[in-house]
Protein backbone atom coordinates (compact mmCIF):
# COMPACT_ATOMS: atom_id res chain seq x y z
CA MET A 1 21.48 11.95 -2.32
CA ARG A 2 20.55 15.60 -3.27
CA ASN A 3 23.41 16.53 -0.11
CA ALA A 4 25.87 14.26 -1.86
CA GLY A 5 27.69 16.66 -3.80
CA ARG A 6 29.96 15.59 -6.59
CA ARG A 7 31.02 12.26 -5.70
CA ARG A 8 33.44 10.05 -7.54
CA ASP A 9 32.67 6.75 -5.66
CA TRP A 10 28.90 6.15 -6.12
CA SER A 11 30.34 2.33 -7.37
CA GLN A 12 31.40 1.81 -4.04
CA LEU A 13 28.18 2.82 -1.47
CA THR A 14 25.18 1.28 -0.24
CA LEU A 15 22.09 3.10 -0.04
CA VAL A 16 20.02 2.51 2.74
CA SER A 17 16.59 3.07 2.97
CA THR A 18 14.03 2.65 5.83
CA LEU A 19 11.34 2.04 3.24
CA SER A 20 11.71 0.09 -0.45
CA PRO A 21 12.94 2.88 -2.58
CA CYS A 22 10.16 4.70 -4.75
CA VAL A 23 10.85 4.33 -8.90
CA MET A 24 12.60 7.91 -8.93
CA CYS A 25 14.93 6.97 -6.06
CA THR A 26 15.30 3.65 -7.55
CA GLY A 27 16.11 5.80 -11.21
CA THR A 28 18.62 8.05 -9.08
CA ALA A 29 20.64 4.96 -7.61
CA LEU A 30 20.59 3.08 -11.11
CA LEU A 31 21.93 6.42 -12.64
CA TYR A 32 25.01 6.85 -10.01
CA ARG A 33 25.62 3.51 -10.35
CA ILE A 34 25.24 2.45 -6.71
CA PRO A 35 25.76 -1.34 -6.67
CA ARG A 36 23.74 -2.11 -3.13
CA ILE A 37 20.15 -1.41 -1.70
CA LEU A 38 19.79 -2.37 2.16
CA VAL A 39 16.33 -1.78 2.93
CA GLY A 40 14.46 -1.60 6.13
CA GLU A 41 11.23 -2.68 5.12
CA ASN A 42 8.56 -3.48 2.28
CA GLN A 43 5.58 -4.41 3.73
CA ASN A 44 3.83 -0.89 3.61
CA PHE A 45 5.31 -0.08 0.27
CA MET A 46 6.65 -2.09 -1.90
CA GLY A 47 9.12 0.12 -4.11
CA ALA A 48 11.04 -0.95 -7.68
CA GLU A 49 12.98 -3.33 -5.86
CA ASN A 50 12.65 -5.53 -8.99
CA LEU A 51 13.92 -2.85 -11.43
CA PHE A 52 17.09 -2.99 -9.58
CA ARG A 53 17.44 -6.84 -9.35
CA GLN A 54 17.28 -6.52 -13.38
CA HIS A 55 20.11 -3.99 -13.35
CA GLY A 56 22.49 -6.41 -11.53
CA VAL A 57 22.46 -4.51 -7.88
CA GLY A 58 22.17 -6.33 -4.96
CA VAL A 59 18.87 -5.51 -2.68
CA THR A 60 18.43 -6.83 0.93
CA VAL A 61 15.54 -6.60 2.58
CA LEU A 62 15.43 -6.79 6.20
CA GLN A 63 12.16 -6.45 7.40
CA ASP A 64 13.05 -5.09 10.55
CA SER A 65 10.03 -4.60 12.75
CA ASN A 66 11.20 -0.87 13.75
CA CYS A 67 10.96 0.14 10.57
CA ILE A 68 7.57 -1.87 9.53
CA GLN A 69 5.85 -0.16 12.36
CA MET A 70 7.23 3.39 12.45
CA MET A 71 6.01 3.05 8.68
CA GLY A 72 2.76 2.02 9.58
CA ASP A 73 2.32 4.81 12.10
CA PHE A 74 3.55 7.30 9.43
CA ILE A 75 0.75 6.33 6.70
CA ARG A 76 -1.79 6.00 9.27
CA ASP A 77 -1.01 9.14 10.90
CA HIS A 78 -0.33 11.24 7.74
CA GLU A 79 -2.32 9.56 4.93
CA ASP A 80 -2.59 12.88 3.01
CA LEU A 81 0.77 13.07 2.77
CA TRP A 82 2.00 9.75 2.36
CA ASN A 83 -1.16 9.62 -0.56
CA GLU A 84 0.01 12.50 -1.84
CA ASP A 85 4.04 11.44 -1.99
CA ILE A 86 3.40 7.86 -3.81
CA GLY A 87 1.06 9.73 -5.86
CA ARG A 88 -2.12 8.39 -5.30
């Protein structure tokens, strides 16, 4: 989103995320009124999906095995970075 510039078509976009979006990313998507979220997986981390749903945003979770494996490997291999990023 940081590189998207001054778009005016946010309400026509779909946010695609490997992992379930954190509260900060969820808030940003809600602020820009992005109506659809496509999530690769939420087994390694459950973000604020219910907050999206409460605001009428369509959320589709794929539970893609490649995303699950990739995020699991990242968390295992970079535990300090992961814990710093998610605020633990």
